[in-house]
Amino acid sequence: MNTLADLCGLKVAAQKGTVQADDATAQSKKCTADGKKAVDVQIFPDQNGVNLALKSGRVQVAMADSPVAAYAVKQSNGAFKLVGESYDNAPYGIAVPKDSGLAQPMVDAIKALIVLAEELRSGGGCGRYSLRHVVRSGLQGHSAGGHGGSGAGAPRP
């Protein structure tokens, strides 16, 4: 499994409404146009259903966004593995309620995480910062709804 073309003739799971469901369906049409077996695309309402279909052997391939797939592999205790390269990479975003006061704390925390990731990638280690420190310092002093920011950046009810 390296490319979408390798899906021809396989049973593939994807979550409803995702680009992966669209990609698998489009690839199935390409497969049959090229005289190959169609992709048996099986759509599930959520990622848990996709993962269960793979674990139970109902499908041979589960498709998801790269971070979602990596998390599923990590949680599978060795039952799943990532194959091929990611394709059509797209940026991710985080939405917060407009007047929650969380926009700037999220930006600050994400910027701090990017700096930490760059430091780790360059082989410099974490230096004097831990991930917990970076997230907390990025959120410290910000409030949402009159409550102090928490370590997870969510307002208290």
N, C-alpha and C. Protein backbone atom coordinates (compact mmCIF):
# COMPACT_ATOMS: atom_id res chain seq x y z
N MET A 1 0.84 -1.18 0.00
CA MET A 1 0.00 0.00 0.00
C MET A 1 0.88 1.24 0.00
N ASN A 2 0.91 1.93 -1.12
CA ASN A 2 1.67 3.17 -1.19
C ASN A 2 0.86 4.34 -1.73
N THR A 3 -0.09 4.04 -2.61
CA THR A 3 -0.88 5.11 -3.22
C THR A 3 -2.35 4.71 -3.25
N LEU A 4 -3.18 5.66 -3.61
CA LEU A 4 -4.61 5.38 -3.74
C LEU A 4 -4.86 4.28 -4.78
N ALA A 5 -4.04 4.22 -5.80
CA ALA A 5 -4.20 3.20 -6.85
C ALA A 5 -4.08 1.79 -6.29
N ASP A 6 -3.42 1.65 -5.16
CA ASP A 6 -3.26 0.33 -4.53
C ASP A 6 -4.54 -0.14 -3.84
N LEU A 7 -5.56 0.69 -3.79
CA LEU A 7 -6.82 0.32 -3.14
C LEU A 7 -7.71 -0.56 -4.02
N CYS A 8 -7.42 -0.62 -5.32
CA CYS A 8 -8.26 -1.39 -6.24
C CYS A 8 -8.44 -2.82 -5.73
N GLY A 9 -9.70 -3.26 -5.66
CA GLY A 9 -10.02 -4.62 -5.25
C GLY A 9 -10.02 -4.84 -3.74
N LEU A 10 -9.75 -3.82 -2.95
CA LEU A 10 -9.70 -3.98 -1.49
C LEU A 10 -10.97 -3.45 -0.83
N LYS A 11 -11.22 -3.93 0.39
CA LYS A 11 -12.29 -3.40 1.23
C LYS A 11 -11.69 -2.28 2.06
N VAL A 12 -12.29 -1.09 1.93
CA VAL A 12 -11.73 0.11 2.55
C VAL A 12 -12.78 0.79 3.40
N ALA A 13 -12.41 1.15 4.63
CA ALA A 13 -13.31 1.86 5.54
C ALA A 13 -12.93 3.33 5.60
N ALA A 14 -13.95 4.17 5.68
CA ALA A 14 -13.74 5.61 5.85
C ALA A 14 -14.92 6.18 6.63
N GLN A 15 -14.68 7.29 7.28
CA GLN A 15 -15.74 7.94 8.04
C GLN A 15 -16.61 8.77 7.11
N LYS A 16 -17.91 8.77 7.38
CA LYS A 16 -18.88 9.52 6.59
C LYS A 16 -18.52 11.00 6.56
N GLY A 17 -18.61 11.59 5.37
CA GLY A 17 -18.40 13.02 5.22
C GLY A 17 -16.96 13.46 5.17
N THR A 18 -16.02 12.52 5.08
CA THR A 18 -14.60 12.88 5.07
C THR A 18 -14.05 12.88 3.65
N VAL A 19 -12.92 13.55 3.50
CA VAL A 19 -12.25 13.54 2.21
C VAL A 19 -11.80 12.12 1.86
N GLN A 20 -11.51 11.30 2.87
CA GLN A 20 -11.08 9.93 2.60
C GLN A 20 -12.21 9.12 1.98
N ALA A 21 -13.43 9.34 2.43
CA ALA A 21 -14.58 8.65 1.83
C ALA A 21 -14.71 9.06 0.36
N ASP A 22 -14.55 10.35 0.11
CA ASP A 22 -14.62 10.85 -1.27
C ASP A 22 -13.47 10.29 -2.11
N ASP A 23 -12.27 10.27 -1.54
CA ASP A 23 -11.10 9.78 -2.28
C ASP A 23 -11.22 8.31 -2.62
N ALA A 24 -11.68 7.51 -1.67
CA ALA A 24 -11.83 6.07 -1.92
C ALA A 24 -12.89 5.81 -2.98
N THR A 25 -13.97 6.58 -2.93
CA THR A 25 -15.04 6.43 -3.93
C THR A 25 -14.54 6.83 -5.32
N ALA A 26 -13.82 7.95 -5.39
CA ALA A 26 -13.26 8.40 -6.68
C ALA A 26 -12.24 7.39 -7.20
N GLN A 27 -11.44 6.84 -6.31
CA GLN A 27 -10.44 5.85 -6.73
C GLN A 27 -11.12 4.59 -7.26
N SER A 28 -12.24 4.21 -6.67
CA SER A 28 -12.96 3.04 -7.14
C SER A 28 -13.37 3.21 -8.60
N LYS A 29 -13.84 4.41 -8.94
CA LYS A 29 -14.22 4.70 -10.33
C LYS A 29 -13.01 4.62 -11.25
N LYS A 30 -11.86 5.12 -10.80
CA LYS A 30 -10.64 5.04 -11.60
C LYS A 30 -10.23 3.58 -11.80
N CYS A 31 -10.38 2.80 -10.73
CA CYS A 31 -10.00 1.38 -10.82
C CYS A 31 -10.81 0.67 -11.91
N THR A 32 -12.14 0.86 -11.86
CA THR A 32 -12.98 0.17 -12.84
C THR A 32 -12.76 0.72 -14.25
N ALA A 33 -12.48 2.03 -14.36
CA ALA A 33 -12.18 2.61 -15.68
C ALA A 33 -10.91 2.02 -16.26
N ASP A 34 -9.98 1.61 -15.39
CA ASP A 34 -8.73 1.01 -15.83
C ASP A 34 -8.82 -0.51 -15.95
N GLY A 35 -10.06 -1.06 -15.81
CA GLY A 35 -10.26 -2.50 -15.94
C GLY A 35 -9.87 -3.29 -14.71
N LYS A 36 -9.72 -2.63 -13.59
CA LYS A 36 -9.37 -3.31 -12.34
C LYS A 36 -10.62 -3.44 -11.48
N LYS A 37 -10.51 -4.23 -10.41
CA LYS A 37 -11.64 -4.39 -9.49
C LYS A 37 -11.89 -3.08 -8.75
N ALA A 38 -13.17 -2.83 -8.49
CA ALA A 38 -13.56 -1.63 -7.75
C ALA A 38 -13.06 -1.70 -6.31
N VAL A 39 -12.98 -0.54 -5.68
CA VAL A 39 -12.72 -0.48 -4.24
C VAL A 39 -14.07 -0.70 -3.55
N ASP A 40 -14.10 -1.61 -2.61
CA ASP A 40 -15.32 -1.85 -1.82
C ASP A 40 -15.29 -0.84 -0.67
N VAL A 41 -15.87 0.35 -0.91
CA VAL A 41 -15.83 1.43 0.07
C VAL A 41 -16.95 1.23 1.09
N GLN A 42 -16.57 1.15 2.34
CA GLN A 42 -17.54 1.00 3.42
C GLN A 42 -17.46 2.25 4.30
N ILE A 43 -18.58 2.94 4.39
CA ILE A 43 -18.66 4.21 5.11
C ILE A 43 -19.24 3.97 6.50
N PHE A 44 -18.59 4.56 7.50
CA PHE A 44 -19.03 4.43 8.89
C PHE A 44 -19.33 5.82 9.46
N PRO A 45 -20.27 5.89 10.41
CA PRO A 45 -20.66 7.20 10.94
C PRO A 45 -19.57 7.90 11.75
N ASP A 46 -18.61 7.14 12.28
CA ASP A 46 -17.54 7.75 13.07
C ASP A 46 -16.25 6.94 12.94
N GLN A 47 -15.16 7.52 13.45
CA GLN A 47 -13.86 6.86 13.32
C GLN A 47 -13.79 5.59 14.14
N ASN A 48 -14.52 5.52 15.24
CA ASN A 48 -14.53 4.28 16.02
C ASN A 48 -15.04 3.12 15.19
N GLY A 49 -16.07 3.35 14.38
CA GLY A 49 -16.59 2.31 13.50
C GLY A 49 -15.58 1.88 12.47
N VAL A 50 -14.83 2.86 11.92
CA VAL A 50 -13.77 2.56 10.96
C VAL A 50 -12.71 1.67 11.61
N ASN A 51 -12.27 2.06 12.80
CA ASN A 51 -11.24 1.30 13.50
C ASN A 51 -11.71 -0.11 13.85
N LEU A 52 -12.95 -0.22 14.28
CA LEU A 52 -13.50 -1.54 14.63
C LEU A 52 -13.59 -2.44 13.39
N ALA A 53 -13.97 -1.85 12.26
CA ALA A 53 -14.04 -2.64 11.02
C ALA A 53 -12.66 -3.18 10.65
N LEU A 54 -11.63 -2.37 10.84
CA LEU A 54 -10.27 -2.84 10.55
C LEU A 54 -9.84 -3.90 11.55
N LYS A 55 -10.10 -3.65 12.80
CA LYS A 55 -9.68 -4.61 13.85
C LYS A 55 -10.38 -5.95 13.70
N SER A 56 -11.65 -5.92 13.31
CA SER A 56 -12.42 -7.17 13.18
C SER A 56 -12.18 -7.89 11.86
N GLY A 57 -11.45 -7.26 10.94
CA GLY A 57 -11.16 -7.88 9.65
C GLY A 57 -12.24 -7.68 8.60
N ARG A 58 -13.23 -6.85 8.89
CA ARG A 58 -14.28 -6.58 7.89
C ARG A 58 -13.75 -5.77 6.72
N VAL A 59 -12.67 -5.02 6.95
CA VAL A 59 -12.00 -4.27 5.87
C VAL A 59 -10.51 -4.54 5.95
N GLN A 60 -9.83 -4.26 4.85
CA GLN A 60 -8.38 -4.44 4.80
C GLN A 60 -7.62 -3.14 5.03
N VAL A 61 -8.32 -2.03 4.82
CA VAL A 61 -7.70 -0.71 4.92
C VAL A 61 -8.66 0.24 5.62
N ALA A 62 -8.13 1.05 6.51
CA ALA A 62 -8.90 2.13 7.13
C ALA A 62 -8.23 3.44 6.75
N MET A 63 -9.02 4.38 6.23
CA MET A 63 -8.47 5.67 5.83
C MET A 63 -8.91 6.75 6.81
N ALA A 64 -7.98 7.66 7.12
CA ALA A 64 -8.28 8.77 8.02
C ALA A 64 -7.22 9.85 7.81
N ASP A 65 -7.46 11.04 8.35
CA ASP A 65 -6.45 12.08 8.36
C ASP A 65 -5.21 11.55 9.06
N SER A 66 -4.04 12.03 8.66
CA SER A 66 -2.78 11.52 9.21
C SER A 66 -2.73 11.51 10.73
N PRO A 67 -3.10 12.61 11.42
CA PRO A 67 -3.04 12.56 12.89
C PRO A 67 -4.01 11.55 13.49
N VAL A 68 -5.18 11.41 12.87
CA VAL A 68 -6.17 10.45 13.36
C VAL A 68 -5.67 9.03 13.16
N ALA A 69 -5.09 8.78 11.99
CA ALA A 69 -4.55 7.44 11.71
C ALA A 69 -3.39 7.12 12.66
N ALA A 70 -2.51 8.09 12.88
CA ALA A 70 -1.38 7.86 13.79
C ALA A 70 -1.88 7.55 15.20
N TYR A 71 -2.90 8.25 15.63
CA TYR A 71 -3.46 8.00 16.96
C TYR A 71 -4.08 6.61 17.04
N ALA A 72 -4.80 6.21 15.99
CA ALA A 72 -5.40 4.87 15.97
C ALA A 72 -4.33 3.80 16.05
N VAL A 73 -3.23 3.99 15.33
CA VAL A 73 -2.12 3.02 15.37
C VAL A 73 -1.55 2.96 16.78
N LYS A 74 -1.33 4.11 17.39
CA LYS A 74 -0.77 4.16 18.74
C LYS A 74 -1.67 3.45 19.74
N GLN A 75 -2.97 3.64 19.61
CA GLN A 75 -3.93 3.05 20.55
C GLN A 75 -4.21 1.58 20.28
N SER A 76 -3.75 1.06 19.14
CA SER A 76 -4.10 -0.31 18.75
C SER A 76 -3.21 -1.39 19.39
N ASN A 77 -2.23 -0.99 20.17
CA ASN A 77 -1.32 -1.96 20.80
C ASN A 77 -0.67 -2.89 19.77
N GLY A 78 -0.26 -2.34 18.66
CA GLY A 78 0.43 -3.12 17.65
C GLY A 78 -0.45 -3.81 16.62
N ALA A 79 -1.77 -3.65 16.74
CA ALA A 79 -2.67 -4.31 15.79
C ALA A 79 -2.71 -3.59 14.44
N PHE A 80 -2.47 -2.27 14.42
CA PHE A 80 -2.50 -1.49 13.18
C PHE A 80 -1.10 -0.96 12.89
N LYS A 81 -0.86 -0.62 11.62
CA LYS A 81 0.37 0.08 11.26
C LYS A 81 0.05 1.08 10.16
N LEU A 82 0.82 2.15 10.11
CA LEU A 82 0.68 3.13 9.04
C LEU A 82 1.40 2.62 7.81
N VAL A 83 0.80 2.80 6.65
CA VAL A 83 1.45 2.40 5.40
C VAL A 83 1.36 3.54 4.40
N GLY A 84 2.26 3.55 3.46
CA GLY A 84 2.26 4.57 2.42
C GLY A 84 2.61 5.94 2.97
N GLU A 85 2.48 6.92 2.13
CA GLU A 85 2.76 8.31 2.48
C GLU A 85 1.44 9.07 2.56
N SER A 86 1.41 10.10 3.40
CA SER A 86 0.21 10.93 3.42
C SER A 86 0.12 11.67 2.09
N TYR A 87 -1.07 12.06 1.72
CA TYR A 87 -1.27 12.72 0.43
C TYR A 87 -2.21 13.91 0.62
N ASP A 88 -2.14 14.85 -0.30
CA ASP A 88 -3.00 16.03 -0.27
C ASP A 88 -3.10 16.63 1.12
N ASN A 89 -1.94 16.83 1.75
CA ASN A 89 -1.93 17.39 3.09
C ASN A 89 -2.60 18.75 3.12
N ALA A 90 -3.40 18.97 4.14
CA ALA A 90 -4.12 20.22 4.29
C ALA A 90 -3.92 20.74 5.70
N PRO A 91 -3.99 22.05 5.85
CA PRO A 91 -3.83 22.62 7.20
C PRO A 91 -5.02 22.28 8.09
N TYR A 92 -4.76 22.21 9.37
CA TYR A 92 -5.80 21.97 10.37
C TYR A 92 -6.06 23.28 11.09
N GLY A 93 -7.22 23.39 11.68
CA GLY A 93 -7.54 24.58 12.44
C GLY A 93 -8.25 24.22 13.73
N ILE A 94 -8.35 25.20 14.59
CA ILE A 94 -9.05 25.04 15.86
C ILE A 94 -10.07 26.16 15.95
N ALA A 95 -11.31 25.81 16.19
CA ALA A 95 -12.36 26.81 16.34
C ALA A 95 -12.72 26.95 17.81
N VAL A 96 -12.89 28.19 18.24
CA VAL A 96 -13.34 28.47 19.60
C VAL A 96 -14.49 29.46 19.51
N PRO A 97 -15.36 29.49 20.51
CA PRO A 97 -16.45 30.46 20.48
C PRO A 97 -15.90 31.88 20.39
N LYS A 98 -16.52 32.71 19.58
CA LYS A 98 -16.02 34.04 19.26
C LYS A 98 -15.72 34.89 20.50
N ASP A 99 -16.59 34.91 21.46
CA ASP A 99 -16.42 35.78 22.62
C ASP A 99 -15.95 35.05 23.87
N SER A 100 -15.31 33.89 23.70
CA SER A 100 -14.91 33.09 24.86
C SER A 100 -13.61 33.56 25.51
N GLY A 101 -12.84 34.36 24.80
CA GLY A 101 -11.55 34.76 25.34
C GLY A 101 -10.46 33.72 25.11
N LEU A 102 -10.76 32.67 24.37
CA LEU A 102 -9.80 31.58 24.16
C LEU A 102 -8.94 31.75 22.92
N ALA A 103 -9.29 32.66 22.02
CA ALA A 103 -8.56 32.76 20.76
C ALA A 103 -7.08 33.06 20.99
N GLN A 104 -6.76 34.13 21.71
CA GLN A 104 -5.36 34.49 21.91
C GLN A 104 -4.61 33.45 22.73
N PRO A 105 -5.19 32.91 23.82
CA PRO A 105 -4.47 31.85 24.55
C PRO A 105 -4.16 30.65 23.66
N MET A 106 -5.07 30.28 22.76
CA MET A 106 -4.82 29.16 21.85
C MET A 106 -3.68 29.49 20.90
N VAL A 107 -3.68 30.69 20.35
CA VAL A 107 -2.61 31.12 19.45
C VAL A 107 -1.27 31.08 20.18
N ASP A 108 -1.24 31.62 21.41
CA ASP A 108 0.00 31.64 22.18
C ASP A 108 0.50 30.23 22.46
N ALA A 109 -0.41 29.33 22.86
CA ALA A 109 -0.02 27.96 23.18
C ALA A 109 0.48 27.24 21.93
N ILE A 110 -0.18 27.43 20.81
CA ILE A 110 0.23 26.76 19.57
C ILE A 110 1.58 27.27 19.11
N LYS A 111 1.80 28.58 19.20
CA LYS A 111 3.11 29.13 18.84
C LYS A 111 4.20 28.53 19.71
N ALA A 112 3.93 28.39 21.01
CA ALA A 112 4.92 27.81 21.93
C ALA A 112 5.18 26.35 21.58
N LEU A 113 4.14 25.62 21.19
CA LEU A 113 4.33 24.22 20.80
C LEU A 113 5.15 24.11 19.52
N ILE A 114 4.94 25.03 18.60
CA ILE A 114 5.72 25.02 17.36
C ILE A 114 7.19 25.25 17.66
N VAL A 115 7.48 26.20 18.56
CA VAL A 115 8.87 26.46 18.95
C VAL A 115 9.47 25.20 19.59
N LEU A 116 8.70 24.56 20.47
CA LEU A 116 9.18 23.33 21.12
C LEU A 116 9.44 22.24 20.09
N ALA A 117 8.52 22.06 19.14
CA ALA A 117 8.69 21.03 18.11
C ALA A 117 9.93 21.31 17.26
N GLU A 118 10.16 22.57 16.92
CA GLU A 118 11.35 22.92 16.13
C GLU A 118 12.62 22.64 16.92
N GLU A 119 12.59 22.92 18.22
CA GLU A 119 13.74 22.65 19.06
C GLU A 119 14.01 21.15 19.14
N LEU A 120 12.96 20.37 19.30
CA LEU A 120 13.11 18.91 19.35
C LEU A 120 13.62 18.37 18.02
N ARG A 121 13.05 18.89 16.92
CA ARG A 121 13.44 18.42 15.59
C ARG A 121 14.91 18.72 15.30
N SER A 122 15.40 19.84 15.81
CA SER A 122 16.79 20.22 15.55
C SER A 122 17.76 19.47 16.45
N GLY A 123 17.24 18.61 17.32
CA GLY A 123 18.10 17.81 18.19
C GLY A 123 18.49 18.51 19.47
N GLY A 124 17.87 19.66 19.72
CA GLY A 124 18.22 20.42 20.91
C GLY A 124 17.52 19.94 22.16
N GLY A 125 16.64 18.96 22.05
CA GLY A 125 15.89 18.53 23.22
C GLY A 125 14.94 19.60 23.66
N CYS A 126 14.38 19.44 24.81
CA CYS A 126 13.41 20.40 25.32
C CYS A 126 14.05 21.54 26.07
N GLY A 127 15.37 21.47 26.27
CA GLY A 127 16.01 22.52 27.05
C GLY A 127 15.39 22.57 28.44
N ARG A 128 15.05 23.73 28.88
CA ARG A 128 14.49 23.87 30.23
C ARG A 128 12.98 23.80 30.24
N TYR A 129 12.36 23.50 29.09
CA TYR A 129 10.91 23.50 29.01
C TYR A 129 10.36 22.10 28.81
N SER A 130 9.28 21.82 29.49
CA SER A 130 8.54 20.59 29.24
C SER A 130 7.28 20.99 28.48
N LEU A 131 6.63 20.03 27.87
CA LEU A 131 5.40 20.31 27.15
C LEU A 131 4.37 20.94 28.08
N ARG A 132 4.25 20.42 29.29
CA ARG A 132 3.30 20.97 30.26
C ARG A 132 3.62 22.45 30.53
N HIS A 133 4.91 22.77 30.69
CA HIS A 133 5.31 24.15 30.97
C HIS A 133 4.93 25.05 29.79
N VAL A 134 5.20 24.61 28.59
CA VAL A 134 4.90 25.42 27.41
C VAL A 134 3.41 25.69 27.32
N VAL A 135 2.60 24.66 27.47
CA VAL A 135 1.15 24.86 27.36
C VAL A 135 0.65 25.77 28.47
N ARG A 136 1.08 25.51 29.70
CA ARG A 136 0.61 26.34 30.82
C ARG A 136 1.07 27.78 30.69
N SER A 137 2.31 28.00 30.28
CA SER A 137 2.78 29.37 30.17
C SER A 137 2.10 30.08 29.00
N GLY A 138 1.71 29.33 27.98
CA GLY A 138 0.99 29.94 26.87
C GLY A 138 -0.41 30.35 27.25
N LEU A 139 -0.98 29.70 28.26
CA LEU A 139 -2.35 29.99 28.68
C LEU A 139 -2.40 30.84 29.95
N GLN A 140 -1.30 30.91 30.67
CA GLN A 140 -1.28 31.60 31.96
C GLN A 140 -1.69 33.06 31.81
N GLY A 141 -2.53 33.49 32.71
CA GLY A 141 -2.92 34.89 32.72
C GLY A 141 -4.10 35.20 31.83
N HIS A 142 -4.52 34.27 31.00
CA HIS A 142 -5.68 34.49 30.15
C HIS A 142 -6.90 33.96 30.87
N SER A 143 -8.02 34.55 30.62
CA SER A 143 -9.23 34.07 31.27
C SER A 143 -10.32 33.89 30.24
N ALA A 144 -11.28 33.08 30.60
CA ALA A 144 -12.43 32.85 29.74
C ALA A 144 -13.67 32.85 30.62
N GLY A 145 -14.58 33.71 30.34
CA GLY A 145 -15.82 33.74 31.10
C GLY A 145 -15.61 34.09 32.56
N GLY A 146 -14.55 34.85 32.88
CA GLY A 146 -14.32 35.28 34.24
C GLY A 146 -13.57 34.27 35.08
N HIS A 147 -13.17 33.14 34.51
CA HIS A 147 -12.44 32.11 35.24
C HIS A 147 -11.00 32.10 34.76
N GLY A 148 -10.09 31.71 35.62
CA GLY A 148 -8.69 31.59 35.21
C GLY A 148 -8.52 30.45 34.22
N GLY A 149 -7.55 30.56 33.36
CA GLY A 149 -7.28 29.51 32.40
C GLY A 149 -6.82 28.24 33.12
N SER A 150 -7.17 27.09 32.61
CA SER A 150 -6.72 25.83 33.19
C SER A 150 -5.60 25.28 32.34
N GLY A 151 -4.97 24.19 32.79
CA GLY A 151 -3.87 23.58 32.05
C GLY A 151 -4.29 23.11 30.67
N ALA A 152 -5.57 22.80 30.51
CA ALA A 152 -6.05 22.33 29.20
C ALA A 152 -6.58 23.47 28.35
N GLY A 153 -6.66 24.65 28.89
CA GLY A 153 -7.11 25.79 28.10
C GLY A 153 -8.59 25.88 27.94
N ALA A 154 -9.34 25.17 28.75
CA ALA A 154 -10.80 25.22 28.64
C ALA A 154 -11.38 25.96 29.82
N PRO A 155 -12.41 26.75 29.60
CA PRO A 155 -13.02 27.46 30.72
C PRO A 155 -13.75 26.50 31.63
N ARG A 156 -13.80 26.84 32.88
CA ARG A 156 -14.57 26.02 33.84
C ARG A 156 -16.03 26.34 33.66
N PRO A 157 -16.91 25.33 33.89
CA PRO A 157 -18.35 25.60 33.75
C PRO A 157 -18.85 26.50 34.85
